[in-house]
Amino acid sequence: MDALILAGGKDVSSLENNHKINNKALLMINNMPMIEYVVDALNQAQEIRDIIVIGPKIDLMPHIGKKVSKIIDSTDSIVENIKIGIDFLNNDEKLMIMTSDVPLITGLMIDDFVKKCQDHDSFLYYPFIKKELILEKFPQTIRSYASLKEGIFCGGNMVIISSVLFNKNKELLDEVFQKRKDVKKYVALLGIKFIVKYLFKCLTIQEIEERAAKIVGFSVKGIMVNYPEMMIDLDKLSDYELILQALHN
């Protein structure tokens, strides 16, 4: 399958300010931009064919231009950037979409996720991992977790999606991204019963899959993975120090 890297972030945080850059994908780690670690991992993966990057072409080209199939200038909309990539590829195959801020990921981890997805017939696949596996390897990291009936989990920074699902749900996805911090919006979308079950930690993985499938009209599957590195994205200065230490080990 092909892979799409989203590298068009223009929101400048304290991390970018501290390193005097305007795009997190270009954050230098051991004299190499962060996105290049992700590109190298995808190139090492046996299950990945072409790599498309959506981001500032003029800035990215000198670093990864020879390592990817295409770099396309991005817009301010995450959903629109995904659409740009899907339209460019112009096929009905499943597509891996990932962020540019997971420099600890490897080709082995990517292949493992893809192969686990192949055991299920769905239109969207999302990786998640047990909290204890993350803390066992990275005890100092601070992640966002979801408490479910089966345990406490953290979600990954990639999905595998069918272009059919995306094209039929573009407006919904755009609305969700635009209002991702609006709790009332999610209550209206998911339903109060769903929210209450989550708050009382009695919501199951299967119930989430079934609710998501009902909303988008296609089957959705959560995939349990065992590599904490897939969840270590670089959002803050403490993440930067953690990643530097991990790469040196």
C-alpha atoms as a PDB file:
ATOM      1  CA  MET A   1       0.000   0.000   0.000  1.00  0.00           C
ATOM      2  CA  ASP A   2       0.981   3.654  -0.315  1.00  0.00           C
ATOM      3  CA  ALA A   3       1.682   5.994   2.605  1.00  0.00           C
ATOM      4  CA  LEU A   4       0.732   9.625   3.132  1.00  0.00           C
ATOM      5  CA  ILE A   5       2.697  11.776   5.598  1.00  0.00           C
ATOM      6  CA  LEU A   6       1.011  14.910   6.922  1.00  0.00           C
ATOM      7  CA  ALA A   7       3.696  17.573   7.402  1.00  0.00           C
ATOM      8  CA  GLY A   8       1.867  20.829   6.898  1.00  0.00           C
ATOM      9  CA  GLY A   9       1.462  22.021  10.472  1.00  0.00           C
ATOM     10  CA  LYS A  10       1.652  25.799  10.738  1.00  0.00           C
ATOM     11  CA  ASP A  11       0.652  26.248  14.387  1.00  0.00           C
ATOM     12  CA  VAL A  12       3.837  27.394  16.108  1.00  0.00           C
ATOM     13  CA  SER A  13       4.112  26.110  19.702  1.00  0.00           C
ATOM     14  CA  SER A  14       6.783  26.593  22.359  1.00  0.00           C
ATOM     15  CA  LEU A  15       8.633  23.645  20.826  1.00  0.00           C
ATOM     16  CA  GLU A  16       8.956  25.339  17.443  1.00  0.00           C
ATOM     17  CA  ASN A  17       9.761  28.689  19.024  1.00  0.00           C
ATOM     18  CA  ASN A  18      12.511  27.142  21.102  1.00  0.00           C
ATOM     19  CA  HIS A  19      14.133  25.630  18.005  1.00  0.00           C
ATOM     20  CA  LYS A  20      13.466  28.652  15.768  1.00  0.00           C
ATOM     21  CA  ILE A  21      11.448  26.779  13.130  1.00  0.00           C
ATOM     22  CA  ASN A  22       7.962  27.263  11.712  1.00  0.00           C
ATOM     23  CA  ASN A  23       7.198  23.644  10.877  1.00  0.00           C
ATOM     24  CA  LYS A  24       7.596  20.817  13.386  1.00  0.00           C
ATOM     25  CA  ALA A  25       8.465  18.331  10.634  1.00  0.00           C
ATOM     26  CA  LEU A  26      11.747  20.205  10.177  1.00  0.00           C
ATOM     27  CA  LEU A  27      12.799  19.935  13.824  1.00  0.00           C
ATOM     28  CA  MET A  28      16.409  18.738  13.780  1.00  0.00           C
ATOM     29  CA  ILE A  29      17.188  15.579  15.759  1.00  0.00           C
ATOM     30  CA  ASN A  30      20.839  14.526  15.635  1.00  0.00           C
ATOM     31  CA  ASN A  31      21.346  16.821  12.617  1.00  0.00           C
ATOM     32  CA  MET A  32      18.463  15.264  10.681  1.00  0.00           C
ATOM     33  CA  PRO A  33      14.924  16.692  10.327  1.00  0.00           C
ATOM     34  CA  MET A  34      12.319  14.717  12.245  1.00  0.00           C
ATOM     35  CA  ILE A  35      10.289  13.866   9.150  1.00  0.00           C
ATOM     36  CA  GLU A  36      13.303  12.101   7.619  1.00  0.00           C
ATOM     37  CA  TYR A  37      13.175   9.474  10.379  1.00  0.00           C
ATOM     38  CA  VAL A  38       9.569   8.729   9.430  1.00  0.00           C
ATOM     39  CA  VAL A  39      10.392   8.638   5.712  1.00  0.00           C
ATOM     40  CA  ASP A  40      13.302   6.255   6.326  1.00  0.00           C
ATOM     41  CA  ALA A  41      11.056   3.931   8.350  1.00  0.00           C
ATOM     42  CA  LEU A  42       8.468   3.836   5.565  1.00  0.00           C
ATOM     43  CA  ASN A  43      11.182   3.115   2.998  1.00  0.00           C
ATOM     44  CA  GLN A  44      12.404   0.236   5.140  1.00  0.00           C
ATOM     45  CA  ALA A  45       8.907  -1.257   5.453  1.00  0.00           C
ATOM     46  CA  GLN A  46       8.219  -4.144   3.078  1.00  0.00           C
ATOM     47  CA  GLU A  47       4.479  -3.413   2.977  1.00  0.00           C
ATOM     48  CA  ILE A  48       4.794   0.211   1.802  1.00  0.00           C
ATOM     49  CA  ARG A  49       5.107   1.204  -1.843  1.00  0.00           C
ATOM     50  CA  ASP A  50       4.974   4.941  -2.661  1.00  0.00           C
ATOM     51  CA  ILE A  51       5.390   7.720  -0.086  1.00  0.00           C
ATOM     52  CA  ILE A  52       3.511  10.993  -0.574  1.00  0.00           C
ATOM     53  CA  VAL A  53       4.204  13.981   1.664  1.00  0.00           C
ATOM     54  CA  ILE A  54       1.786  16.877   2.122  1.00  0.00           C
ATOM     55  CA  GLY A  55       3.705  19.890   3.380  1.00  0.00           C
ATOM     56  CA  PRO A  56       5.773  22.936   2.347  1.00  0.00           C
ATOM     57  CA  LYS A  57       7.546  21.626  -0.755  1.00  0.00           C
ATOM     58  CA  ILE A  58      10.233  24.309  -0.858  1.00  0.00           C
ATOM     59  CA  ASP A  59      11.302  23.508   2.730  1.00  0.00           C
ATOM     60  CA  LEU A  60      11.017  19.725   2.570  1.00  0.00           C
ATOM     61  CA  MET A  61      12.524  19.048  -0.854  1.00  0.00           C
ATOM     62  CA  PRO A  62      16.210  19.529   0.134  1.00  0.00           C
ATOM     63  CA  HIS A  63      15.868  16.965   2.927  1.00  0.00           C
ATOM     64  CA  ILE A  64      13.578  14.221   1.606  1.00  0.00           C
ATOM     65  CA  GLY A  65      13.013  15.031  -2.069  1.00  0.00           C
ATOM     66  CA  LYS A  66      14.994  11.991  -3.245  1.00  0.00           C
ATOM     67  CA  LYS A  67      13.465   9.652  -0.671  1.00  0.00           C
ATOM     68  CA  VAL A  68       9.754  10.064  -1.456  1.00  0.00           C
ATOM     69  CA  SER A  69       7.585   9.748  -4.551  1.00  0.00           C
ATOM     70  CA  LYS A  70       5.982  13.188  -4.310  1.00  0.00           C
ATOM     71  CA  ILE A  71       5.828  16.294  -2.110  1.00  0.00           C
ATOM     72  CA  ILE A  72       2.656  18.361  -2.475  1.00  0.00           C
ATOM     73  CA  ASP A  73       2.125  21.776  -0.893  1.00  0.00           C
ATOM     74  CA  SER A  74      -0.304  21.692   2.015  1.00  0.00           C
ATOM     75  CA  THR A  75      -3.306  23.791   3.022  1.00  0.00           C
ATOM     76  CA  ASP A  76      -4.403  24.863   6.508  1.00  0.00           C
ATOM     77  CA  SER A  77      -6.902  21.979   6.724  1.00  0.00           C
ATOM     78  CA  ILE A  78      -5.861  18.478   7.819  1.00  0.00           C
ATOM     79  CA  VAL A  79      -8.839  16.922   6.057  1.00  0.00           C
ATOM     80  CA  GLU A  80      -8.157  18.873   2.864  1.00  0.00           C
ATOM     81  CA  ASN A  81      -4.526  17.749   2.966  1.00  0.00           C
ATOM     82  CA  ILE A  82      -5.636  14.122   3.154  1.00  0.00           C
ATOM     83  CA  LYS A  83      -7.967  14.714   0.217  1.00  0.00           C
ATOM     84  CA  ILE A  84      -5.088  16.188  -1.802  1.00  0.00           C
ATOM     85  CA  GLY A  85      -3.086  13.021  -1.253  1.00  0.00           C
ATOM     86  CA  ILE A  86      -5.980  10.688  -2.054  1.00  0.00           C
ATOM     87  CA  ASP A  87      -6.820  12.625  -5.215  1.00  0.00           C
ATOM     88  CA  PHE A  88      -3.188  12.483  -6.343  1.00  0.00           C
ATOM     89  CA  LEU A  89      -2.987   8.701  -5.864  1.00  0.00           C
ATOM     90  CA  ASN A  90      -6.378   8.260  -7.549  1.00  0.00           C
ATOM     91  CA  ASN A  91      -6.966   4.598  -6.664  1.00  0.00           C
ATOM     92  CA  ASP A  92      -9.327   2.558  -4.495  1.00  0.00           C
ATOM     93  CA  GLU A  93      -6.602   0.886  -2.460  1.00  0.00           C
ATOM     94  CA  LYS A  94      -6.211   1.298   1.279  1.00  0.00           C
ATOM     95  CA  LEU A  95      -3.824   4.057   2.321  1.00  0.00           C
ATOM     96  CA  MET A  96      -1.656   4.533   5.385  1.00  0.00           C
ATOM     97  CA  ILE A  97      -1.855   8.054   6.808  1.00  0.00           C
ATOM     98  CA  MET A  98       0.602   9.151   9.463  1.00  0.00           C
ATOM     99  CA  THR A  99       2.036  12.225  11.096  1.00  0.00           C
ATOM    100  CA  SER A 100       5.598  13.459  10.714  1.00  0.00           C
ATOM    101  CA  ASP A 101       6.353  13.566  14.461  1.00  0.00           C
ATOM    102  CA  VAL A 102       6.999   9.907  15.371  1.00  0.00           C
ATOM    103  CA  PRO A 103      10.779   9.609  14.807  1.00  0.00           C
ATOM    104  CA  LEU A 104      11.159   6.403  16.855  1.00  0.00           C
ATOM    105  CA  ILE A 105       9.032   4.352  14.480  1.00  0.00           C
ATOM    106  CA  THR A 106      10.700   1.691  12.304  1.00  0.00           C
ATOM    107  CA  GLY A 107       9.888  -0.274   9.190  1.00  0.00           C
ATOM    108  CA  LEU A 108       9.407  -3.395  11.321  1.00  0.00           C
ATOM    109  CA  MET A 109       6.700  -1.672  13.388  1.00  0.00           C
ATOM    110  CA  ILE A 110       4.931  -0.421  10.282  1.00  0.00           C
ATOM    111  CA  ASP A 111       4.956  -3.876   8.680  1.00  0.00           C
ATOM    112  CA  ASP A 112       3.650  -5.446  11.890  1.00  0.00           C
ATOM    113  CA  PHE A 113       0.698  -3.046  11.977  1.00  0.00           C
ATOM    114  CA  VAL A 114      -0.120  -3.585   8.294  1.00  0.00           C
ATOM    115  CA  LYS A 115      -0.010  -7.375   8.632  1.00  0.00           C
ATOM    116  CA  LYS A 116      -2.283  -7.318  11.678  1.00  0.00           C
ATOM    117  CA  CYS A 117      -4.754  -5.183   9.734  1.00  0.00           C
ATOM    118  CA  GLN A 118      -4.776  -7.746   6.927  1.00  0.00           C
ATOM    119  CA  ASP A 119      -6.441 -10.226   9.282  1.00  0.00           C
ATOM    120  CA  HIS A 120      -9.591  -8.066   9.326  1.00  0.00           C
ATOM    121  CA  ASP A 121     -11.914  -6.828   6.592  1.00  0.00           C
ATOM    122  CA  SER A 122     -12.538  -3.180   7.485  1.00  0.00           C
ATOM    123  CA  PHE A 123     -12.412   0.270   5.936  1.00  0.00           C
ATOM    124  CA  LEU A 124     -10.466   1.964   8.737  1.00  0.00           C
ATOM    125  CA  TYR A 125      -7.808   0.571  11.084  1.00  0.00           C
ATOM    126  CA  TYR A 126      -6.435   2.370  14.134  1.00  0.00           C
ATOM    127  CA  PRO A 127      -3.571   1.162  16.374  1.00  0.00           C
ATOM    128  CA  PHE A 128      -3.702   1.260  20.155  1.00  0.00           C
ATOM    129  CA  ILE A 129      -1.526  -0.096  22.942  1.00  0.00           C
ATOM    130  CA  LYS A 130      -1.778  -0.895  26.651  1.00  0.00           C
ATOM    131  CA  LYS A 131      -0.612   1.867  28.978  1.00  0.00           C
ATOM    132  CA  GLU A 132       1.634  -0.518  30.909  1.00  0.00           C
ATOM    133  CA  LEU A 133       3.649  -1.347  27.796  1.00  0.00           C
ATOM    134  CA  ILE A 134       4.386   2.343  27.229  1.00  0.00           C
ATOM    135  CA  LEU A 135       5.374   3.009  30.843  1.00  0.00           C
ATOM    136  CA  GLU A 136       7.496  -0.147  30.946  1.00  0.00           C
ATOM    137  CA  LYS A 137       9.751   1.225  28.205  1.00  0.00           C
ATOM    138  CA  PHE A 138       9.245   4.984  28.677  1.00  0.00           C
ATOM    139  CA  PRO A 139       8.296   5.499  32.357  1.00  0.00           C
ATOM    140  CA  GLN A 140       8.874   9.243  32.192  1.00  0.00           C
ATOM    141  CA  THR A 141       6.624   9.940  29.203  1.00  0.00           C
ATOM    142  CA  ILE A 142       3.302  11.737  29.529  1.00  0.00           C
ATOM    143  CA  ARG A 143       0.630  10.475  27.094  1.00  0.00           C
ATOM    144  CA  SER A 144      -3.118  10.787  26.731  1.00  0.00           C
ATOM    145  CA  TYR A 145      -4.948   7.599  27.689  1.00  0.00           C
ATOM    146  CA  ALA A 146      -8.469   6.214  27.431  1.00  0.00           C
ATOM    147  CA  SER A 147      -9.854   4.091  30.263  1.00  0.00           C
ATOM    148  CA  LEU A 148     -12.034   1.298  28.880  1.00  0.00           C
ATOM    149  CA  LYS A 149     -13.523  -1.840  30.364  1.00  0.00           C
ATOM    150  CA  GLU A 150     -10.608  -3.930  29.057  1.00  0.00           C
ATOM    151  CA  GLY A 151      -7.943  -1.612  30.437  1.00  0.00           C
ATOM    152  CA  ILE A 152      -6.185   1.722  29.833  1.00  0.00           C
ATOM    153  CA  PHE A 153      -4.958   2.401  26.313  1.00  0.00           C
ATOM    154  CA  CYS A 154      -3.142   4.950  24.178  1.00  0.00           C
ATOM    155  CA  GLY A 155      -3.880   5.490  20.487  1.00  0.00           C
ATOM    156  CA  GLY A 156      -1.289   5.694  17.735  1.00  0.00           C
ATOM    157  CA  ASN A 157      -0.275   8.325  15.216  1.00  0.00           C
ATOM    158  CA  MET A 158      -1.343   6.539  12.064  1.00  0.00           C
ATOM    159  CA  VAL A 159      -4.403   5.011  10.452  1.00  0.00           C
ATOM    160  CA  ILE A 160      -5.067   2.838   7.450  1.00  0.00           C
ATOM    161  CA  ILE A 161      -8.119   4.054   5.597  1.00  0.00           C
ATOM    162  CA  SER A 162     -10.071   3.281   2.470  1.00  0.00           C
ATOM    163  CA  SER A 163     -10.467   6.217   0.079  1.00  0.00           C
ATOM    164  CA  VAL A 164     -14.134   5.233  -0.255  1.00  0.00           C
ATOM    165  CA  LEU A 165     -14.715   5.799   3.456  1.00  0.00           C
ATOM    166  CA  PHE A 166     -12.883   9.122   3.363  1.00  0.00           C
ATOM    167  CA  ASN A 167     -14.708  10.484   0.328  1.00  0.00           C
ATOM    168  CA  LYS A 168     -18.100   9.651   1.790  1.00  0.00           C
ATOM    169  CA  ASN A 169     -17.262  11.191   5.174  1.00  0.00           C
ATOM    170  CA  LYS A 170     -15.143  14.211   4.249  1.00  0.00           C
ATOM    171  CA  GLU A 171     -17.605  16.770   5.657  1.00  0.00           C
ATOM    172  CA  LEU A 172     -18.050  14.789   8.882  1.00  0.00           C
ATOM    173  CA  LEU A 173     -14.286  14.414   9.351  1.00  0.00           C
ATOM    174  CA  ASP A 174     -13.744  18.096   8.659  1.00  0.00           C
ATOM    175  CA  GLU A 175     -16.355  19.034  11.257  1.00  0.00           C
ATOM    176  CA  VAL A 176     -14.819  16.696  13.836  1.00  0.00           C
ATOM    177  CA  PHE A 177     -11.336  18.164  13.302  1.00  0.00           C
ATOM    178  CA  GLN A 178     -12.615  21.748  13.406  1.00  0.00           C
ATOM    179  CA  LYS A 179     -14.494  21.128  16.669  1.00  0.00           C
ATOM    180  CA  ARG A 180     -12.207  18.517  18.195  1.00  0.00           C
ATOM    181  CA  LYS A 181     -12.068  20.411  21.511  1.00  0.00           C
ATOM    182  CA  ASP A 182     -15.820  20.987  21.699  1.00  0.00           C
ATOM    183  CA  VAL A 183     -17.182  18.446  24.206  1.00  0.00           C
ATOM    184  CA  LYS A 184     -20.800  19.256  23.329  1.00  0.00           C
ATOM    185  CA  LYS A 185     -20.072  18.392  19.708  1.00  0.00           C
ATOM    186  CA  TYR A 186     -18.813  14.941  20.642  1.00  0.00           C
ATOM    187  CA  VAL A 187     -21.761  14.300  22.933  1.00  0.00           C
ATOM    188  CA  ALA A 188     -24.102  15.136  20.047  1.00  0.00           C
ATOM    189  CA  LEU A 189     -22.115  12.927  17.680  1.00  0.00           C
ATOM    190  CA  LEU A 190     -21.605   9.910  19.926  1.00  0.00           C
ATOM    191  CA  GLY A 191     -24.692  10.103  22.124  1.00  0.00           C
ATOM    192  CA  ILE A 192     -25.017  10.734  25.856  1.00  0.00           C
ATOM    193  CA  LYS A 193     -25.248   6.997  26.671  1.00  0.00           C
ATOM    194  CA  PHE A 194     -21.915   6.388  24.948  1.00  0.00           C
ATOM    195  CA  ILE A 195     -20.255   9.272  26.828  1.00  0.00           C
ATOM    196  CA  VAL A 196     -21.625   8.142  30.212  1.00  0.00           C
ATOM    197  CA  LYS A 197     -20.347   4.594  29.698  1.00  0.00           C
ATOM    198  CA  TYR A 198     -16.919   6.008  28.864  1.00  0.00           C
ATOM    199  CA  LEU A 199     -16.890   8.221  31.954  1.00  0.00           C
ATOM    200  CA  PHE A 200     -17.716   5.232  34.132  1.00  0.00           C
ATOM    201  CA  LYS A 201     -14.982   3.186  32.415  1.00  0.00           C
ATOM    202  CA  CYS A 202     -17.364   0.473  31.275  1.00  0.00           C
ATOM    203  CA  LEU A 203     -17.176   1.167  27.551  1.00  0.00           C
ATOM    204  CA  THR A 204     -15.718  -1.716  25.548  1.00  0.00           C
ATOM    205  CA  ILE A 205     -13.469  -1.739  22.486  1.00  0.00           C
ATOM    206  CA  GLN A 206     -16.175  -3.519  20.505  1.00  0.00           C
ATOM    207  CA  GLU A 207     -18.748  -0.856  21.409  1.00  0.00           C
ATOM    208  CA  ILE A 208     -16.395   1.863  20.134  1.00  0.00           C
ATOM    209  CA  GLU A 209     -15.875  -0.023  16.867  1.00  0.00           C
ATOM    210  CA  GLU A 210     -19.614  -0.533  16.435  1.00  0.00           C
ATOM    211  CA  ARG A 211     -20.451   3.117  17.213  1.00  0.00           C
ATOM    212  CA  ALA A 212     -17.752   4.399  14.867  1.00  0.00           C
ATOM    213  CA  ALA A 213     -18.978   2.059  12.102  1.00  0.00           C
ATOM    214  CA  LYS A 214     -22.535   3.294  12.568  1.00  0.00           C
ATOM    215  CA  ILE A 215     -21.440   6.934  12.271  1.00  0.00           C
ATOM    216  CA  VAL A 216     -19.264   6.550   9.159  1.00  0.00           C
ATOM    217  CA  GLY A 217     -21.248   3.765   7.510  1.00  0.00           C
ATOM    218  CA  PHE A 218     -18.284   1.401   7.177  1.00  0.00           C
ATOM    219  CA  SER A 219     -16.593  -1.172   9.404  1.00  0.00           C
ATOM    220  CA  VAL A 220     -13.867   0.149  11.724  1.00  0.00           C
ATOM    221  CA  LYS A 221     -11.268  -1.943  13.548  1.00  0.00           C
ATOM    222  CA  GLY A 222      -8.943  -1.153  16.428  1.00  0.00           C
ATOM    223  CA  ILE A 223      -5.630  -2.998  16.174  1.00  0.00           C
ATOM    224  CA  MET A 224      -3.680  -3.849  19.323  1.00  0.00           C
ATOM    225  CA  VAL A 225       0.058  -3.262  18.832  1.00  0.00           C
ATOM    226  CA  ASN A 226       3.067  -3.943  21.049  1.00  0.00           C
ATOM    227  CA  TYR A 227       5.521  -1.187  20.098  1.00  0.00           C
ATOM    228  CA  PRO A 228       5.397   1.859  22.430  1.00  0.00           C
ATOM    229  CA  GLU A 229       7.558   3.832  19.964  1.00  0.00           C
ATOM    230  CA  MET A 230       4.527   4.149  17.676  1.00  0.00           C
ATOM    231  CA  MET A 231       2.822   6.304  20.308  1.00  0.00           C
ATOM    232  CA  ILE A 232       5.732   8.624  21.136  1.00  0.00           C
ATOM    233  CA  ASP A 233       4.947  11.732  19.139  1.00  0.00           C
ATOM    234  CA  LEU A 234       6.890  14.940  19.641  1.00  0.00           C
ATOM    235  CA  ASP A 235       4.607  17.660  20.973  1.00  0.00           C
ATOM    236  CA  LYS A 236       6.620  19.276  23.736  1.00  0.00           C
ATOM    237  CA  LEU A 237      10.169  19.884  24.901  1.00  0.00           C
ATOM    238  CA  SER A 238      10.102  16.903  27.276  1.00  0.00           C
ATOM    239  CA  ASP A 239       9.240  14.650  24.311  1.00  0.00           C
ATOM    240  CA  TYR A 240      12.274  15.986  22.473  1.00  0.00           C
ATOM    241  CA  GLU A 241      14.601  15.036  25.337  1.00  0.00           C
ATOM    242  CA  LEU A 242      12.973  11.600  25.631  1.00  0.00           C
ATOM    243  CA  ILE A 243      13.390  10.903  21.915  1.00  0.00           C
ATOM    244  CA  LEU A 244      17.014  12.037  21.901  1.00  0.00           C
ATOM    245  CA  GLN A 245      17.751   9.681  24.775  1.00  0.00           C
ATOM    246  CA  ALA A 246      15.929   6.779  23.084  1.00  0.00           C
ATOM    247  CA  LEU A 247      17.853   7.269  19.831  1.00  0.00           C
ATOM    248  CA  HIS A 248      21.168   7.258  21.676  1.00  0.00           C
ATOM    249  CA  ASN A 249      20.412   3.967  23.460  1.00  0.00           C
END
